[in-house]
Amino acid sequence: MKNNITTTLEVREHFDKNFRHIDMGGISDKLISKFLDREYIKNAPFVTKIDCLYDYILSQSLTHIDE
């Protein structure tokens, strides 16, 4: 990551590696980008961005979750 910019690819790779129970295939790059572009998320550390996105995905039931 350069200059605290997080890409959708980095997010997808992190979820694939660490949150395999979440089907990221059902979530568009546009949605991820719009989320990462939120003012309170933009300059947050990567881990915080991921935690917030994870919570957002779960709270909005945006995709299938394997339990």
Protein backbone atom coordinates (compact mmCIF):
# COMPACT_ATOMS: atom_id res chain seq x y z
CA MET A 1 0.00 0.00 0.00
CA LYS A 2 1.35 3.38 -0.95
CA ASN A 3 0.36 6.55 0.87
CA ASN A 4 -2.39 4.77 2.81
CA ILE A 5 -4.33 4.12 -0.41
CA THR A 6 -6.15 0.83 -0.32
CA THR A 7 -7.24 -0.86 -3.54
CA THR A 8 -10.16 -3.20 -4.07
CA LEU A 9 -7.65 -5.90 -5.02
CA GLU A 10 -5.91 -5.56 -1.63
CA VAL A 11 -9.28 -5.79 0.11
CA ARG A 12 -10.34 -8.86 -1.86
CA GLU A 13 -7.00 -10.59 -1.24
CA HIS A 14 -7.23 -9.88 2.48
CA PHE A 15 -10.80 -11.19 2.70
CA ASP A 16 -9.89 -14.29 0.66
CA LYS A 17 -6.99 -15.01 2.99
CA ASN A 18 -8.55 -14.10 6.35
CA PHE A 19 -12.34 -14.22 5.97
CA ARG A 20 -12.97 -17.17 3.68
CA HIS A 21 -16.47 -17.52 5.11
CA ILE A 22 -17.52 -14.31 3.33
CA ASP A 23 -18.36 -14.59 -0.37
CA MET A 24 -16.72 -11.44 -1.77
CA GLY A 25 -17.78 -12.46 -5.28
CA GLY A 26 -21.20 -11.03 -4.49
CA ILE A 27 -19.79 -7.59 -3.70
CA SER A 28 -18.86 -5.23 -6.52
CA ASP A 29 -15.60 -3.31 -6.78
CA LYS A 30 -17.73 -0.17 -7.01
CA LEU A 31 -19.29 -0.82 -3.60
CA ILE A 32 -15.87 -1.49 -2.04
CA SER A 33 -14.41 1.66 -3.61
CA LYS A 34 -17.32 3.81 -2.48
CA PHE A 35 -16.97 2.45 1.05
CA LEU A 36 -13.21 3.06 1.13
CA ASP A 37 -13.79 6.60 -0.13
CA ARG A 38 -15.91 7.57 2.88
CA GLU A 39 -14.38 10.50 4.73
CA TYR A 40 -14.04 8.66 8.06
CA ILE A 41 -12.43 5.64 6.35
CA LYS A 42 -10.04 7.26 3.84
CA ASN A 43 -7.12 7.87 6.18
CA ALA A 44 -7.69 5.01 8.58
CA PRO A 45 -5.11 2.23 8.91
CA PHE A 46 -5.68 -0.79 6.66
CA VAL A 47 -6.83 -3.01 9.53
CA THR A 48 -9.44 -0.44 10.56
CA LYS A 49 -10.72 -0.19 6.98
CA ILE A 50 -11.06 -3.96 6.82
CA ASP A 51 -12.81 -4.15 10.20
CA CYS A 52 -15.28 -1.45 9.21
CA LEU A 53 -15.96 -3.04 5.82
CA TYR A 54 -16.43 -6.43 7.46
CA ASP A 55 -18.96 -4.93 9.89
CA TYR A 56 -20.71 -3.11 7.04
CA ILE A 57 -21.00 -6.28 4.95
CA LEU A 58 -22.47 -8.21 7.89
CA SER A 59 -24.82 -5.47 9.06
CA GLN A 60 -26.25 -4.91 5.58
CA SER A 61 -26.42 -8.62 4.65
CA LEU A 62 -24.60 -7.83 1.40
CA THR A 63 -23.45 -11.35 0.58
CA HIS A 64 -23.61 -14.99 1.60
CA ILE A 65 -21.82 -15.91 4.82
CA ASP A 66 -20.73 -19.52 5.41
CA GLU A 67 -20.88 -20.44 9.05
